[in-house]
Amino acid sequence: MSEMENTAFWCGIGAGMVLGAAVGMAVSPRQRSMKTCVGRTMQHMGNAVDNAWEDLLRTIE
């Protein structure tokens, strides 16, 4: 994977995280549940980054 492709991949991951968090907050019906929604969104984003990182490392090996 070239450096340009790698940079584009991580920019896409970051943009997806930001967009996902924004949509999650926008569709939240109440202020109190927003904390729960944001917490879940952050957990899912962390899991996605971990999985993407593991896949990238497996691809390199």
Protein backbone atom coordinates (compact mmCIF):
# COMPACT_ATOMS: atom_id res chain seq x y z
CA MET A 1 0.00 0.00 0.00
CA SER A 2 1.48 3.31 -1.00
CA GLU A 3 1.82 6.25 1.38
CA MET A 4 -0.85 8.19 -0.53
CA GLU A 5 -3.36 5.34 -0.25
CA ASN A 6 -2.54 4.91 3.44
CA THR A 7 -3.11 8.62 4.15
CA ALA A 8 -6.39 8.63 2.23
CA PHE A 9 -7.53 5.55 4.16
CA TRP A 10 -6.88 7.16 7.56
CA CYS A 11 -8.48 10.44 6.47
CA GLY A 12 -11.55 8.47 5.45
CA ILE A 13 -11.63 6.65 8.77
CA GLY A 14 -11.37 9.95 10.66
CA ALA A 15 -14.07 11.61 8.56
CA GLY A 16 -16.37 8.64 9.11
CA MET A 17 -15.84 8.83 12.86
CA VAL A 18 -16.63 12.53 13.00
CA LEU A 19 -19.68 12.14 10.77
CA GLY A 20 -20.93 9.14 12.76
CA ALA A 21 -20.61 11.01 16.06
CA ALA A 22 -22.39 14.05 14.62
CA VAL A 23 -25.27 11.97 13.25
CA GLY A 24 -25.52 10.07 16.52
CA MET A 25 -25.85 13.31 18.46
CA ALA A 26 -28.30 14.78 15.94
CA VAL A 27 -30.74 11.87 16.10
CA SER A 28 -30.62 11.60 19.88
CA PRO A 29 -34.12 12.34 21.22
CA ARG A 30 -33.14 13.68 24.65
CA GLN A 31 -30.23 15.45 26.28
CA ARG A 32 -29.76 12.74 28.90
CA SER A 33 -29.61 9.94 26.35
CA MET A 34 -27.10 11.94 24.33
CA LYS A 35 -24.35 11.01 26.78
CA THR A 36 -25.23 7.34 26.35
CA CYS A 37 -25.39 7.71 22.58
CA VAL A 38 -22.03 9.49 22.43
CA GLY A 39 -20.51 6.87 24.73
CA ARG A 40 -21.74 4.05 22.54
CA THR A 41 -20.61 5.85 19.41
CA MET A 42 -17.13 6.35 20.86
CA GLN A 43 -16.98 2.69 21.84
CA HIS A 44 -18.01 1.58 18.34
CA MET A 45 -15.49 3.95 16.75
CA GLY A 46 -12.74 2.60 18.99
CA ASN A 47 -13.66 -0.96 18.05
CA ALA A 48 -13.70 -0.05 14.35
CA VAL A 49 -10.26 1.57 14.56
CA ASP A 50 -8.89 -1.43 16.44
CA ASN A 51 -10.27 -3.81 13.82
CA ALA A 52 -8.99 -1.68 10.95
CA TRP A 53 -5.55 -1.50 12.56
CA GLU A 54 -5.42 -5.27 13.04
CA ASP A 55 -6.48 -5.83 9.42
CA LEU A 56 -3.81 -3.40 8.24
CA LEU A 57 -1.13 -5.17 10.27
CA ARG A 58 -2.26 -8.57 8.94
CA THR A 59 -2.08 -7.20 5.39
CA ILE A 60 1.46 -5.94 5.94
CA GLU A 61 2.64 -9.29 7.30
